[in-house]
Amino acid sequence: MKTHQLILRLLLLSLFSGCTSKPETFTVTFVSNNFEQKWAMTELNSRLPSDWSTSGFLTFELKSSSTQWFDLKLYDTSGVRRVTIHPMQGPWVRASIPLVHFQKRNTKGMDMAAIGKTARPGYWIGFSNAVGSIKNIDSEPS
């Protein structure tokens, strides 16, 4: 049975004005075929706004026990928005995901590989077609 542990230190709070900047740590352990963990907005910070369209980045720190990729999903009331994160194994990595990647498909790059993913220090971002509004972020679609 394979186990993959992902530790997230959520720093979202410093991105949105009026929110506290104290990071909170969440540990997620994926065992076997269980590869999903959801948090309600109120669990992360009850003062986070639901409209993220005017913000630039979703920033968090992570430490992964393997290079196993995971999907980072935002639930807007009009649909699910998704990017894929391919982390490095071992070190703490501060990931700062441009929110535009949740709003529209990436079209910049010299080849298909560059359009489908981009490297960042300590991780890769993989793009998807699951894009759209992030004006009404909620915990999960109804």
N, C-alpha and C. Protein backbone atom coordinates (compact mmCIF):
# COMPACT_ATOMS: atom_id res chain seq x y z
N MET A 1 0.84 -1.17 0.00
CA MET A 1 0.00 0.00 0.00
C MET A 1 0.89 1.24 0.00
N LYS A 2 0.70 2.10 -0.98
CA LYS A 2 1.49 3.32 -1.06
C LYS A 2 0.86 4.43 -0.23
N THR A 3 1.72 5.18 0.42
CA THR A 3 1.26 6.33 1.19
C THR A 3 1.98 7.56 0.68
N HIS A 4 1.23 8.62 0.50
CA HIS A 4 1.78 9.89 0.04
C HIS A 4 1.31 10.94 1.03
N GLN A 5 2.24 11.70 1.58
CA GLN A 5 1.87 12.73 2.52
C GLN A 5 2.16 14.10 1.93
N LEU A 6 1.20 14.97 2.07
CA LEU A 6 1.32 16.33 1.59
C LEU A 6 1.00 17.25 2.76
N ILE A 7 1.92 18.15 3.06
CA ILE A 7 1.70 19.11 4.13
C ILE A 7 1.56 20.48 3.48
N LEU A 8 0.46 21.13 3.76
CA LEU A 8 0.20 22.45 3.20
C LEU A 8 0.21 23.48 4.31
N ARG A 9 0.88 24.56 4.07
CA ARG A 9 0.84 25.71 4.96
C ARG A 9 0.14 26.80 4.16
N LEU A 10 -1.08 27.07 4.52
CA LEU A 10 -1.87 28.00 3.73
C LEU A 10 -1.53 29.43 4.07
N LEU A 11 -1.10 30.14 3.05
CA LEU A 11 -0.74 31.54 3.20
C LEU A 11 -1.69 32.42 2.42
N LEU A 12 -2.83 31.87 2.04
CA LEU A 12 -3.82 32.62 1.28
C LEU A 12 -4.16 33.91 1.98
N LEU A 13 -4.09 33.85 3.27
CA LEU A 13 -4.57 34.93 4.09
C LEU A 13 -3.86 36.23 3.83
N SER A 14 -2.60 36.16 3.44
CA SER A 14 -1.85 37.39 3.21
C SER A 14 -2.18 38.01 1.85
N LEU A 15 -2.88 37.28 1.01
CA LEU A 15 -3.19 37.79 -0.33
C LEU A 15 -4.40 38.70 -0.35
N PHE A 16 -5.29 38.49 0.55
CA PHE A 16 -6.53 39.23 0.52
C PHE A 16 -6.52 40.27 1.62
N SER A 17 -6.81 41.49 1.26
CA SER A 17 -6.77 42.55 2.26
C SER A 17 -7.83 42.29 3.33
N GLY A 18 -7.49 42.67 4.54
CA GLY A 18 -8.42 42.50 5.64
C GLY A 18 -8.35 41.14 6.30
N CYS A 19 -7.49 40.26 5.83
CA CYS A 19 -7.36 38.93 6.42
C CYS A 19 -6.07 38.86 7.23
N THR A 20 -6.07 38.01 8.22
CA THR A 20 -4.87 37.85 9.01
C THR A 20 -3.82 37.11 8.20
N SER A 21 -2.56 37.27 8.57
CA SER A 21 -1.49 36.64 7.80
C SER A 21 -0.86 35.45 8.53
N LYS A 22 -1.45 35.00 9.62
CA LYS A 22 -0.92 33.85 10.35
C LYS A 22 -1.16 32.58 9.54
N PRO A 23 -0.10 31.89 9.13
CA PRO A 23 -0.30 30.67 8.36
C PRO A 23 -0.81 29.53 9.23
N GLU A 24 -1.63 28.69 8.64
CA GLU A 24 -2.14 27.51 9.32
C GLU A 24 -1.67 26.29 8.54
N THR A 25 -1.30 25.23 9.25
CA THR A 25 -0.77 24.04 8.59
C THR A 25 -1.83 22.94 8.56
N PHE A 26 -1.97 22.32 7.39
CA PHE A 26 -2.86 21.19 7.19
C PHE A 26 -2.02 20.04 6.67
N THR A 27 -2.17 18.86 7.26
CA THR A 27 -1.46 17.68 6.79
C THR A 27 -2.47 16.73 6.16
N VAL A 28 -2.16 16.29 4.95
CA VAL A 28 -3.03 15.36 4.23
C VAL A 28 -2.20 14.12 3.93
N THR A 29 -2.72 12.96 4.31
CA THR A 29 -2.05 11.70 4.00
C THR A 29 -2.95 10.92 3.06
N PHE A 30 -2.44 10.62 1.87
CA PHE A 30 -3.18 9.85 0.89
C PHE A 30 -2.72 8.40 0.99
N VAL A 31 -3.64 7.50 1.19
CA VAL A 31 -3.33 6.09 1.30
C VAL A 31 -4.10 5.33 0.23
N SER A 32 -3.41 4.47 -0.47
CA SER A 32 -4.01 3.63 -1.51
C SER A 32 -4.68 4.49 -2.57
N ASN A 33 -5.99 4.32 -2.78
CA ASN A 33 -6.69 5.04 -3.85
C ASN A 33 -7.42 6.28 -3.36
N ASN A 34 -7.18 6.72 -2.14
CA ASN A 34 -7.82 7.92 -1.62
C ASN A 34 -6.92 9.11 -1.93
N PHE A 35 -7.29 9.91 -2.93
CA PHE A 35 -6.43 11.01 -3.37
C PHE A 35 -7.13 12.36 -3.33
N GLU A 36 -8.10 12.52 -2.43
CA GLU A 36 -8.82 13.78 -2.41
C GLU A 36 -8.99 14.28 -0.99
N GLN A 37 -8.82 15.59 -0.83
CA GLN A 37 -9.06 16.27 0.44
C GLN A 37 -9.69 17.61 0.12
N LYS A 38 -10.81 17.90 0.75
CA LYS A 38 -11.50 19.17 0.52
C LYS A 38 -11.57 19.94 1.83
N TRP A 39 -11.48 21.26 1.71
CA TRP A 39 -11.67 22.13 2.85
C TRP A 39 -12.73 23.15 2.50
N ALA A 40 -13.62 23.41 3.44
CA ALA A 40 -14.59 24.49 3.28
C ALA A 40 -13.86 25.81 3.47
N MET A 41 -14.35 26.84 2.83
CA MET A 41 -13.72 28.16 2.96
C MET A 41 -13.64 28.59 4.41
N THR A 42 -14.66 28.27 5.20
CA THR A 42 -14.65 28.67 6.60
C THR A 42 -13.57 27.94 7.40
N GLU A 43 -13.16 26.74 6.96
CA GLU A 43 -12.07 26.03 7.63
C GLU A 43 -10.73 26.71 7.36
N LEU A 44 -10.58 27.28 6.17
CA LEU A 44 -9.33 27.95 5.82
C LEU A 44 -9.25 29.31 6.49
N ASN A 45 -10.29 30.09 6.32
CA ASN A 45 -10.38 31.41 6.95
C ASN A 45 -11.76 31.96 6.67
N SER A 46 -12.52 32.19 7.69
CA SER A 46 -13.90 32.67 7.51
C SER A 46 -13.95 34.08 6.92
N ARG A 47 -12.82 34.79 6.92
CA ARG A 47 -12.80 36.15 6.39
C ARG A 47 -12.37 36.22 4.93
N LEU A 48 -12.08 35.06 4.31
CA LEU A 48 -11.72 35.07 2.88
C LEU A 48 -12.93 35.49 2.06
N PRO A 49 -12.74 36.35 1.08
CA PRO A 49 -13.86 36.73 0.21
C PRO A 49 -14.20 35.60 -0.75
N SER A 50 -15.42 35.60 -1.26
CA SER A 50 -15.79 34.58 -2.24
C SER A 50 -15.41 35.01 -3.66
N ASP A 51 -15.20 36.31 -3.88
CA ASP A 51 -14.81 36.81 -5.20
C ASP A 51 -13.28 36.93 -5.25
N TRP A 52 -12.65 36.03 -6.01
CA TRP A 52 -11.20 36.03 -6.14
C TRP A 52 -10.75 36.65 -7.45
N SER A 53 -11.67 37.16 -8.25
CA SER A 53 -11.34 37.63 -9.60
C SER A 53 -10.41 38.84 -9.62
N THR A 54 -10.36 39.61 -8.57
CA THR A 54 -9.50 40.79 -8.56
C THR A 54 -8.15 40.51 -7.89
N SER A 55 -7.95 39.29 -7.40
CA SER A 55 -6.67 38.92 -6.78
C SER A 55 -5.75 38.31 -7.82
N GLY A 56 -4.46 38.37 -7.58
CA GLY A 56 -3.50 37.90 -8.56
C GLY A 56 -3.01 36.48 -8.40
N PHE A 57 -2.84 36.02 -7.15
CA PHE A 57 -2.20 34.73 -6.92
C PHE A 57 -2.83 33.98 -5.76
N LEU A 58 -2.76 32.67 -5.82
CA LEU A 58 -3.09 31.79 -4.71
C LEU A 58 -1.75 31.26 -4.22
N THR A 59 -1.36 31.64 -3.01
CA THR A 59 -0.03 31.30 -2.51
C THR A 59 -0.14 30.39 -1.29
N PHE A 60 0.66 29.34 -1.30
CA PHE A 60 0.70 28.42 -0.18
C PHE A 60 2.06 27.75 -0.17
N GLU A 61 2.42 27.15 0.95
CA GLU A 61 3.65 26.37 1.04
C GLU A 61 3.26 24.91 1.12
N LEU A 62 4.10 24.04 0.54
CA LEU A 62 3.82 22.62 0.60
C LEU A 62 5.10 21.83 0.77
N LYS A 63 4.96 20.68 1.35
CA LYS A 63 6.06 19.73 1.48
C LYS A 63 5.48 18.37 1.14
N SER A 64 6.02 17.74 0.12
CA SER A 64 5.48 16.48 -0.37
C SER A 64 6.46 15.34 -0.12
N SER A 65 5.92 14.19 0.25
CA SER A 65 6.78 13.02 0.49
C SER A 65 7.10 12.28 -0.80
N SER A 66 6.52 12.71 -1.92
CA SER A 66 6.83 12.09 -3.21
C SER A 66 6.60 13.13 -4.31
N THR A 67 6.91 12.74 -5.52
CA THR A 67 6.68 13.62 -6.66
C THR A 67 5.30 13.40 -7.28
N GLN A 68 4.42 12.74 -6.56
CA GLN A 68 3.06 12.48 -7.05
C GLN A 68 2.33 13.79 -7.28
N TRP A 69 1.77 13.96 -8.48
CA TRP A 69 1.04 15.17 -8.79
C TRP A 69 -0.32 15.15 -8.10
N PHE A 70 -0.92 16.33 -7.96
CA PHE A 70 -2.27 16.43 -7.43
C PHE A 70 -2.98 17.59 -8.11
N ASP A 71 -4.30 17.49 -8.16
CA ASP A 71 -5.12 18.56 -8.73
C ASP A 71 -5.47 19.55 -7.63
N LEU A 72 -5.34 20.81 -7.96
CA LEU A 72 -5.76 21.89 -7.08
C LEU A 72 -7.04 22.45 -7.69
N LYS A 73 -8.15 22.29 -6.99
CA LYS A 73 -9.45 22.69 -7.53
C LYS A 73 -10.04 23.83 -6.73
N LEU A 74 -10.64 24.74 -7.44
CA LEU A 74 -11.45 25.79 -6.83
C LEU A 74 -12.88 25.53 -7.27
N TYR A 75 -13.79 25.60 -6.33
CA TYR A 75 -15.20 25.39 -6.63
C TYR A 75 -15.91 26.73 -6.70
N ASP A 76 -16.23 27.15 -7.92
CA ASP A 76 -17.04 28.33 -8.14
C ASP A 76 -18.47 27.83 -8.30
N THR A 77 -19.45 28.64 -7.94
CA THR A 77 -20.83 28.18 -8.05
C THR A 77 -21.22 27.86 -9.50
N SER A 78 -20.45 28.34 -10.48
CA SER A 78 -20.75 28.03 -11.88
C SER A 78 -19.93 26.86 -12.41
N GLY A 79 -19.04 26.27 -11.58
CA GLY A 79 -18.27 25.11 -12.03
C GLY A 79 -16.96 24.96 -11.29
N VAL A 80 -16.28 23.86 -11.58
CA VAL A 80 -15.00 23.55 -10.95
C VAL A 80 -13.86 24.10 -11.80
N ARG A 81 -12.89 24.73 -11.17
CA ARG A 81 -11.69 25.25 -11.84
C ARG A 81 -10.51 24.41 -11.35
N ARG A 82 -9.57 24.06 -12.26
CA ARG A 82 -8.53 23.12 -11.86
C ARG A 82 -7.20 23.39 -12.54
N VAL A 83 -6.12 23.24 -11.77
CA VAL A 83 -4.76 23.12 -12.29
C VAL A 83 -4.15 21.90 -11.61
N THR A 84 -3.09 21.37 -12.19
CA THR A 84 -2.40 20.22 -11.62
C THR A 84 -1.04 20.69 -11.11
N ILE A 85 -0.70 20.25 -9.91
CA ILE A 85 0.58 20.61 -9.30
C ILE A 85 1.46 19.36 -9.27
N HIS A 86 2.68 19.49 -9.80
CA HIS A 86 3.67 18.42 -9.77
C HIS A 86 4.79 18.89 -8.82
N PRO A 87 4.76 18.44 -7.55
CA PRO A 87 5.74 18.97 -6.58
C PRO A 87 7.07 18.22 -6.60
N MET A 88 8.09 18.88 -6.09
CA MET A 88 9.36 18.21 -5.79
C MET A 88 9.15 17.40 -4.52
N GLN A 89 9.93 16.37 -4.35
CA GLN A 89 9.87 15.57 -3.14
C GLN A 89 10.82 16.12 -2.10
N GLY A 90 10.33 16.34 -0.89
CA GLY A 90 11.21 16.68 0.22
C GLY A 90 11.18 18.10 0.74
N PRO A 91 11.61 19.09 -0.03
CA PRO A 91 11.77 20.43 0.57
C PRO A 91 10.43 21.16 0.71
N TRP A 92 10.43 22.14 1.60
CA TRP A 92 9.30 23.07 1.65
C TRP A 92 9.37 23.94 0.40
N VAL A 93 8.26 24.08 -0.27
CA VAL A 93 8.17 24.87 -1.49
C VAL A 93 7.04 25.89 -1.33
N ARG A 94 7.32 27.13 -1.63
CA ARG A 94 6.25 28.13 -1.66
C ARG A 94 5.73 28.21 -3.08
N ALA A 95 4.49 27.83 -3.24
CA ALA A 95 3.84 27.86 -4.55
C ALA A 95 2.97 29.11 -4.65
N SER A 96 3.11 29.82 -5.73
CA SER A 96 2.30 31.00 -5.97
C SER A 96 1.66 30.82 -7.35
N ILE A 97 0.42 30.42 -7.36
CA ILE A 97 -0.29 30.07 -8.59
C ILE A 97 -1.03 31.29 -9.11
N PRO A 98 -0.71 31.76 -10.31
CA PRO A 98 -1.47 32.88 -10.87
C PRO A 98 -2.94 32.48 -11.05
N LEU A 99 -3.83 33.25 -10.47
CA LEU A 99 -5.26 32.92 -10.54
C LEU A 99 -5.81 32.98 -11.96
N VAL A 100 -5.10 33.63 -12.86
CA VAL A 100 -5.54 33.67 -14.25
C VAL A 100 -5.60 32.26 -14.84
N HIS A 101 -4.79 31.32 -14.32
CA HIS A 101 -4.79 29.95 -14.82
C HIS A 101 -6.08 29.21 -14.47
N PHE A 102 -6.83 29.72 -13.50
CA PHE A 102 -8.14 29.16 -13.17
C PHE A 102 -9.24 29.83 -14.01
N GLN A 103 -8.94 31.00 -14.56
CA GLN A 103 -9.95 31.78 -15.27
C GLN A 103 -9.95 31.54 -16.78
N LYS A 104 -8.78 31.33 -17.37
CA LYS A 104 -8.74 31.10 -18.82
C LYS A 104 -7.60 30.17 -19.18
N ARG A 105 -7.76 29.51 -20.27
CA ARG A 105 -6.79 28.53 -20.74
C ARG A 105 -5.48 29.22 -21.13
N ASN A 106 -4.37 28.60 -20.79
CA ASN A 106 -3.06 29.13 -21.17
C ASN A 106 -2.87 28.99 -22.68
N THR A 107 -2.47 30.05 -23.34
CA THR A 107 -2.22 30.02 -24.78
C THR A 107 -0.83 30.54 -25.12
N LYS A 108 -0.02 30.79 -24.10
CA LYS A 108 1.32 31.33 -24.35
C LYS A 108 2.36 30.23 -24.27
N GLY A 109 3.24 30.19 -25.25
CA GLY A 109 4.31 29.22 -25.27
C GLY A 109 4.75 28.96 -26.69
N MET A 110 5.94 28.41 -26.82
CA MET A 110 6.50 28.17 -28.16
C MET A 110 6.11 26.81 -28.71
N ASP A 111 5.62 25.90 -27.84
CA ASP A 111 5.22 24.57 -28.31
C ASP A 111 4.09 24.06 -27.40
N MET A 112 3.56 22.89 -27.73
CA MET A 112 2.45 22.34 -26.97
C MET A 112 2.83 22.07 -25.51
N ALA A 113 4.06 21.66 -25.28
CA ALA A 113 4.50 21.39 -23.91
C ALA A 113 4.45 22.66 -23.07
N ALA A 114 4.89 23.77 -23.63
CA ALA A 114 4.89 25.03 -22.90
C ALA A 114 3.47 25.54 -22.67
N ILE A 115 2.56 25.22 -23.56
CA ILE A 115 1.16 25.64 -23.39
C ILE A 115 0.47 24.77 -22.34
N GLY A 116 0.88 23.52 -22.21
CA GLY A 116 0.23 22.59 -21.29
C GLY A 116 0.73 22.64 -19.86
N LYS A 117 1.94 23.18 -19.64
CA LYS A 117 2.49 23.23 -18.29
C LYS A 117 3.59 24.27 -18.23
N THR A 118 3.94 24.67 -17.02
CA THR A 118 5.02 25.62 -16.84
C THR A 118 5.78 25.28 -15.56
N ALA A 119 7.07 25.45 -15.62
CA ALA A 119 7.92 25.15 -14.46
C ALA A 119 7.97 26.34 -13.51
N ARG A 120 7.98 26.05 -12.24
CA ARG A 120 8.19 27.02 -11.18
C ARG A 120 9.26 26.42 -10.26
N PRO A 121 9.93 27.24 -9.45
CA PRO A 121 10.92 26.67 -8.52
C PRO A 121 10.26 25.69 -7.54
N GLY A 122 10.60 24.41 -7.66
CA GLY A 122 10.09 23.40 -6.75
C GLY A 122 8.84 22.67 -7.18
N TYR A 123 8.23 23.08 -8.29
CA TYR A 123 7.01 22.42 -8.75
C TYR A 123 6.71 22.82 -10.19
N TRP A 124 5.82 22.07 -10.79
CA TRP A 124 5.28 22.41 -12.11
C TRP A 124 3.80 22.69 -11.97
N ILE A 125 3.28 23.56 -12.83
CA ILE A 125 1.84 23.78 -12.92
C ILE A 125 1.38 23.18 -14.24
N GLY A 126 0.42 22.28 -14.18
CA GLY A 126 -0.19 21.74 -15.38
C GLY A 126 -1.54 22.40 -15.59
N PHE A 127 -1.81 22.83 -16.81
CA PHE A 127 -3.04 23.56 -17.10
C PHE A 127 -4.13 22.63 -17.58
N SER A 128 -5.38 23.05 -17.46
CA SER A 128 -6.51 22.24 -17.89
C SER A 128 -7.52 23.12 -18.63
N ASN A 129 -8.56 22.48 -19.10
CA ASN A 129 -9.68 23.21 -19.72
C ASN A 129 -10.73 23.58 -18.69
N ALA A 130 -10.54 23.20 -17.43
CA ALA A 130 -11.50 23.48 -16.37
C ALA A 130 -11.26 24.90 -15.87
N VAL A 131 -11.67 25.86 -16.66
CA VAL A 131 -11.45 27.27 -16.37
C VAL A 131 -12.77 28.03 -16.43
N GLY A 132 -12.78 29.22 -15.84
CA GLY A 132 -13.98 30.06 -15.87
C GLY A 132 -13.96 31.06 -14.74
N SER A 133 -15.13 31.47 -14.35
CA SER A 133 -15.29 32.49 -13.31
C SER A 133 -14.75 32.03 -11.97
N ILE A 134 -14.13 32.95 -11.24
CA ILE A 134 -13.75 32.71 -9.84
C ILE A 134 -14.31 33.86 -9.00
N LYS A 135 -15.54 34.27 -9.35
CA LYS A 135 -16.20 35.38 -8.65
C LYS A 135 -17.04 34.91 -7.48
N ASN A 136 -17.29 33.61 -7.40
CA ASN A 136 -18.13 33.11 -6.31
C ASN A 136 -17.59 31.77 -5.83
N ILE A 137 -16.38 31.80 -5.25
CA ILE A 137 -15.73 30.60 -4.77
C ILE A 137 -16.46 30.09 -3.53
N ASP A 138 -16.73 28.80 -3.55
CA ASP A 138 -17.43 28.16 -2.45
C ASP A 138 -16.67 26.89 -2.10
N SER A 139 -17.15 26.16 -1.12
CA SER A 139 -16.49 24.93 -0.69
C SER A 139 -16.61 23.83 -1.72
N GLU A 140 -17.78 23.68 -2.28
CA GLU A 140 -18.02 22.60 -3.22
C GLU A 140 -19.30 22.92 -3.98
N PRO A 141 -19.39 22.53 -5.25
CA PRO A 141 -20.62 22.81 -5.99
C PRO A 141 -21.79 22.06 -5.39
N SER A 142 -22.97 22.67 -5.47
CA SER A 142 -24.15 22.00 -4.92
C SER A 142 -24.70 20.95 -5.84
